[in-house]
Each structure stands twice: as structure tokens, then as C-alpha cells.
Protein backbone atom coordinates (compact mmCIF):
# COMPACT_ATOMS: atom_id res chain seq x y z
CA MET A 1 -13.42 38.00 -137.20
CA GLU A 2 -15.00 34.58 -137.48
CA ASP A 3 -11.55 32.97 -137.52
CA GLY A 4 -10.67 34.72 -134.23
CA VAL A 5 -13.90 33.56 -132.57
CA GLY A 6 -13.33 30.03 -133.83
CA LYS A 7 -9.80 29.94 -132.44
CA ALA A 8 -11.01 31.27 -129.07
CA ARG A 9 -13.69 28.58 -128.88
CA LEU A 10 -11.16 25.92 -129.79
CA ASN A 11 -8.80 27.09 -127.03
CA VAL A 12 -11.63 27.07 -124.47
CA SER A 13 -12.62 23.56 -125.54
CA ARG A 14 -9.05 22.33 -125.24
CA ARG A 15 -8.70 23.83 -121.75
CA ALA A 16 -11.97 22.22 -120.66
CA ILE A 17 -10.88 18.82 -121.97
CA PHE A 18 -7.50 19.17 -120.25
CA LYS A 19 -9.10 20.04 -116.89
CA PHE A 20 -11.57 17.17 -117.21
CA THR A 21 -8.75 14.74 -118.00
CA LEU A 22 -6.73 15.93 -114.99
CA ALA A 23 -9.74 15.57 -112.69
CA GLY A 24 -10.40 12.05 -113.91
CA ALA A 25 -6.76 11.06 -113.48
CA ALA A 26 -6.76 12.41 -109.93
CA LEU A 27 -9.76 10.29 -109.04
CA LEU A 28 -8.30 7.16 -110.59
CA SER A 29 -4.94 7.65 -108.91
CA SER A 30 -6.30 8.38 -105.41
CA PRO A 31 -4.18 6.11 -103.18
CA TRP A 32 -6.76 5.43 -100.47
CA PRO A 33 -10.12 3.71 -101.12
CA GLN A 34 -13.04 5.73 -99.79
CA HIS A 35 -16.40 4.83 -98.29
CA SER A 36 -18.90 3.45 -100.79
CA GLU A 37 -22.59 3.57 -100.03
CA ALA A 38 -23.14 0.74 -102.54
CA ALA A 39 -20.80 -1.75 -100.83
CA GLU A 40 -22.53 -5.00 -99.90
CA GLU A 41 -21.88 -5.84 -96.26
CA LEU A 42 -19.87 -8.97 -95.52
CA LYS A 43 -21.51 -11.63 -93.36
CA MET A 44 -19.95 -14.38 -91.29
CA PRO A 45 -21.26 -17.95 -91.45
CA GLY A 46 -24.24 -18.32 -89.16
CA ASN A 47 -22.61 -21.14 -87.19
CA ALA A 48 -19.43 -19.19 -86.32
CA PRO A 49 -18.93 -19.34 -82.51
CA GLU A 50 -18.96 -16.12 -80.49
CA GLU A 51 -16.75 -14.96 -77.63
CA LYS A 52 -17.58 -11.93 -75.46
CA PHE A 53 -15.33 -9.98 -73.11
CA ASP A 54 -16.89 -7.41 -70.77
CA PHE A 55 -14.00 -7.42 -68.23
CA GLU A 56 -16.39 -7.95 -65.32
CA SER A 57 -15.40 -11.31 -63.81
CA LYS A 58 -12.32 -12.60 -65.65
CA GLY A 59 -10.58 -9.30 -66.31
CA VAL A 60 -7.64 -9.94 -68.63
CA ASP A 61 -6.77 -13.44 -67.41
CA GLY A 62 -5.04 -15.27 -70.25
CA TRP A 63 -4.55 -12.14 -72.37
CA SER A 64 -1.12 -11.39 -73.86
CA THR A 65 0.28 -7.88 -73.44
CA VAL A 66 2.50 -6.98 -76.39
CA ASP A 67 3.09 -3.46 -75.13
CA GLY A 68 1.33 -0.96 -72.89
CA GLN A 69 -0.16 -0.70 -69.41
CA TRP A 70 -3.54 -2.41 -69.52
CA THR A 71 -5.65 -2.43 -66.34
CA VAL A 72 -9.22 -3.33 -65.47
CA GLU A 73 -10.89 -0.41 -63.69
CA GLU A 74 -14.31 0.60 -62.48
CA MET A 75 -15.84 3.36 -64.56
CA ALA A 76 -19.17 5.14 -64.22
CA GLY A 77 -21.29 4.80 -67.33
CA ALA A 78 -19.58 1.63 -68.55
CA PRO A 79 -21.52 0.12 -71.47
CA SER A 80 -22.05 -3.11 -69.52
CA GLY A 81 -21.47 -3.75 -65.82
CA LYS A 82 -19.10 -1.58 -63.80
CA THR A 83 -15.61 -2.31 -65.14
CA VAL A 84 -13.71 -1.59 -68.35
CA LEU A 85 -10.22 -2.19 -69.73
CA VAL A 86 -8.02 0.94 -69.78
CA GLN A 87 -4.69 1.46 -71.54
CA ARG A 88 -2.60 4.04 -69.62
CA ALA A 89 0.95 3.85 -71.03
CA MET A 90 1.87 7.14 -72.74
CA ARG A 91 5.41 6.70 -74.09
CA ASN A 92 5.16 3.73 -76.46
CA GLU A 93 4.73 4.03 -80.20
CA PHE A 94 1.88 1.49 -80.15
CA ASN A 95 0.15 -0.43 -77.35
CA VAL A 96 -1.34 -3.84 -78.08
CA ILE A 97 -3.03 -6.54 -76.00
CA VAL A 98 -4.20 -9.82 -77.53
CA ALA A 99 -7.25 -11.84 -76.44
CA PRO A 100 -6.88 -15.48 -75.29
CA VAL A 101 -8.90 -16.99 -78.17
CA GLY A 102 -8.10 -17.99 -81.72
CA PRO A 103 -6.25 -17.98 -84.02
CA PHE A 104 -8.94 -17.30 -86.60
CA THR A 105 -9.09 -16.97 -90.36
CA ASP A 106 -12.38 -15.13 -90.95
CA VAL A 107 -13.59 -12.84 -88.16
CA ASP A 108 -16.32 -10.40 -87.19
CA VAL A 109 -15.06 -8.26 -84.31
CA SER A 110 -16.65 -5.31 -82.52
CA MET A 111 -15.76 -3.29 -79.44
CA LYS A 112 -16.62 -0.07 -77.68
CA PHE A 113 -13.95 2.50 -76.89
CA LYS A 114 -13.84 5.82 -75.05
CA PRO A 115 -10.94 8.26 -75.66
CA LEU A 116 -10.03 9.64 -72.23
CA SER A 117 -6.99 11.78 -73.00
CA GLY A 118 -4.09 12.32 -75.38
CA ARG A 119 -2.35 15.28 -76.98
CA GLN A 120 -0.43 13.47 -79.68
CA ASP A 121 -3.08 10.81 -80.23
CA ALA A 122 -6.45 9.80 -78.76
CA SER A 123 -7.24 6.56 -80.52
CA GLY A 124 -8.72 3.11 -80.11
CA GLY A 125 -8.50 0.20 -82.51
CA ILE A 126 -9.09 -3.47 -83.22
CA VAL A 127 -6.13 -5.72 -84.01
CA PHE A 128 -6.91 -8.80 -86.09
CA ARG A 129 -4.94 -11.62 -87.72
CA PHE A 130 -2.17 -11.01 -85.20
CA ASN A 131 0.63 -13.52 -85.72
CA ASP A 132 4.30 -13.29 -84.77
CA GLY A 133 4.07 -9.52 -84.21
CA LYS A 134 2.41 -8.83 -87.56
CA TYR A 135 -1.22 -7.75 -87.82
CA TYR A 136 -3.96 -5.60 -89.29
CA VAL A 137 -5.49 -2.78 -87.25
CA VAL A 138 -8.51 -0.58 -87.88
CA ARG A 139 -8.62 2.53 -85.72
CA ALA A 140 -10.46 5.77 -85.00
CA ASN A 141 -8.88 8.87 -83.46
CA ALA A 142 -10.62 11.63 -81.51
CA LEU A 143 -8.01 14.13 -82.77
CA GLU A 144 -8.47 13.37 -86.48
CA ASP A 145 -11.38 13.30 -88.90
CA ASN A 146 -10.41 9.96 -90.45
CA PHE A 147 -11.00 6.24 -89.97
CA ARG A 148 -8.17 4.00 -91.14
CA LEU A 149 -7.00 0.47 -91.85
CA TYR A 150 -3.30 -0.37 -91.49
CA TYR A 151 -1.07 -3.39 -91.55
CA TYR A 152 1.88 -3.71 -89.20
CA ASP A 153 5.17 -5.46 -89.98
CA ARG A 154 8.04 -3.83 -88.03
CA GLY A 155 6.29 -0.56 -88.82
CA ARG A 156 2.80 0.65 -89.69
CA SER A 157 1.60 1.10 -93.28
CA GLN A 158 -1.75 2.55 -94.34
CA LEU A 159 -4.08 0.50 -96.53
CA ALA A 160 -7.34 2.46 -96.57
CA THR A 161 -8.86 5.62 -95.12
CA ALA A 162 -12.20 7.43 -95.00
CA ARG A 163 -13.13 10.92 -93.87
CA VAL A 164 -15.38 10.89 -90.80
CA LYS A 165 -16.51 13.18 -88.03
CA ALA A 166 -13.86 12.74 -85.32
CA PRO A 167 -15.27 10.58 -82.50
CA ALA A 168 -15.87 12.85 -79.51
CA PRO A 169 -13.51 12.39 -76.54
CA GLY A 170 -15.11 11.32 -73.29
CA GLN A 171 -17.85 9.41 -75.10
CA TRP A 172 -18.30 5.75 -76.03
CA HIS A 173 -17.99 4.78 -79.68
CA THR A 174 -18.21 1.47 -81.54
CA VAL A 175 -15.71 0.03 -84.01
CA ARG A 176 -16.40 -3.14 -85.97
CA VAL A 177 -14.38 -5.04 -88.55
CA VAL A 178 -15.24 -8.07 -90.69
CA ALA A 179 -12.53 -9.96 -92.57
CA LEU A 180 -13.52 -12.78 -94.93
CA GLY A 181 -10.59 -14.08 -96.94
CA ASP A 182 -8.86 -11.05 -98.46
CA HIS A 183 -11.96 -8.84 -98.12
CA ILE A 184 -12.00 -6.41 -95.17
CA GLN A 185 -14.79 -4.04 -94.14
CA ALA A 186 -14.88 -1.68 -91.15
CA TRP A 187 -17.56 0.38 -89.41
CA LEU A 188 -17.48 3.34 -87.03
CA ASP A 189 -20.56 3.95 -84.88
CA GLY A 190 -22.66 1.67 -87.06
CA LYS A 191 -21.70 3.11 -90.45
CA LEU A 192 -19.65 1.21 -93.03
CA TYR A 193 -16.69 3.36 -94.11
CA LEU A 194 -13.94 1.03 -95.30
CA ASP A 195 -14.16 -1.69 -97.95
CA HIS A 196 -10.76 -3.05 -98.94
CA HIS A 197 -8.98 -6.15 -100.28
CA ASP A 198 -5.60 -7.32 -98.99
CA ARG A 199 -4.17 -10.84 -98.90
CA ARG A 200 -1.10 -10.11 -96.78
CA TYR A 201 -2.21 -11.94 -93.61
CA ARG A 202 -4.54 -14.95 -93.63
CA SER A 203 -5.04 -15.84 -89.95
CA GLY A 204 -4.20 -14.85 -86.39
CA ARG A 205 -5.57 -13.65 -83.08
CA VAL A 206 -7.62 -10.58 -82.11
CA GLY A 207 -6.67 -7.73 -79.81
CA LEU A 208 -6.99 -4.07 -78.87
CA TRP A 209 -4.74 -1.15 -79.81
CA THR A 210 -3.80 2.43 -78.96
CA LYS A 211 -1.05 4.76 -80.12
CA ALA A 212 1.43 7.04 -78.34
CA ASP A 213 -0.10 8.97 -75.40
CA SER A 214 -3.67 7.77 -75.93
CA VAL A 215 -5.37 6.88 -72.65
CA THR A 216 -8.37 4.88 -73.80
CA ALA A 217 -11.08 2.72 -72.20
CA PHE A 218 -12.47 -0.39 -73.90
CA ASP A 219 -15.50 -2.57 -73.25
CA ASP A 220 -17.78 -5.17 -74.84
CA LEU A 221 -15.28 -6.87 -77.15
CA THR A 222 -17.18 -9.43 -79.22
CA ILE A 223 -15.45 -11.91 -81.52
CA ARG A 224 -17.06 -14.28 -84.00
CA GLY A 225 -14.44 -16.30 -85.80
CA VAL A 226 -13.65 -19.33 -87.92
CA ALA A 227 -10.84 -21.26 -86.26
CA ALA A 228 -7.64 -21.44 -88.28
CA GLY A 229 -7.19 -24.97 -89.56
CA GLY A 230 -10.77 -25.80 -88.61
């Protein structure tokens, strides 16, 4: 009788160890870094110059449209002033417009975006280190409960993701990204969600991004950057 009990206990212990080992392996092998409350926030040098774009007086003079239909429009409830930048193309894979400043190595970029419509996608993102069609992008999507960092090189590849409450359509939200060297952090509505290292791209310009049929408004783009080669 005692031998039977002993064997049963041994089998239970082995099953428990096996399950624990599998759980640990799953955590270690998770392909996408998640939000860490303990992450120390990156900070730009205090003397880094700042550029602001509110699309009130200059519109998109000097900007470079990579793809999309980008127009300056009046919009009630704009975060600042009366006008915003709206992307209205609905048939492209990605829509990108690049600001007329830079290139930069290290950057601290923030913008406000408002998802207006989209059935396939309802996103807004920040492009950074854009150079020769290659770039990083951090984006939020009103149709998905995730916040993601990608790199683009003739196709988009995911680097990091975090689970979030999907940003509500028809409302303004804030995205921010800081890139110092190979260290990249990103915030959605003031909360740090992504903390990732990647040394693929070292410098480039800054821009705005949408995907597919996203019709999205943007405002208050702020760029603090260290000039490449400076």
C-alpha cells in the first residue's frame, strides 16, 4: 500500500515539474518583448533642438509624400488651432509622409492622432530613421488591442508588441517614441509600453504613417533630435 502511494506521489511530482518547465520555457521563448513597469525611461540630451508642426500656417510645405493622400483640413476640436493633417488614401498598403527636418540619429518624437474610419485598419504611427525607403515605425490601431514596433525594408517586420486597450476611434490619442542608439522606447497615451533594442538603422528622418484604408487625422508633431553627423 505504501509503495502504491509513493509511486502516485512521485508521478504527481514529475507532472508538476514538467508543467513548470514548460511554462518557464514558454516565457523565455516568447518572441515579442512586453511592457515592463521597471524600465527606466530614456532621455534626450537637454540641448537637443526642437521642431514643432501644428499644420496651421505652413501646412505640409517641404514635406515628402512617399505614398498616400495627405491634406491639411479644418477640424473641430483640433488639439491646437483649427487645422490638422489628414491621410485619406484607402487602397495603399502603407501611407507615409516625411517631415522636412533631419536626418537625425537620436530622436524624441511625439504626435497626436485621431482614427476617423477604416474597416481593415484604423491606425496612426510615427516613422523614424527613415532613409532610402527603410525605416522604423511605432503604431497604434483602433481595431486591435496592441501597440507595436516594426521595421520596414521592402516589407514590414514586427520587432516588439504590447497588449493595450484599443485607442477609441473618433478621439485624439498620443504616441511618443524615443530612440537613443540601439535603444527604442514607445508610449501610448502617456504610458510606456515598448522597450526594445535594435541596431538595424542608425539615422534618418521622421514622418507619419497609416495602413490600408485607415483615414486618420494628425496634429502636434514634435521632434527633438540630434543631427546626423553633428
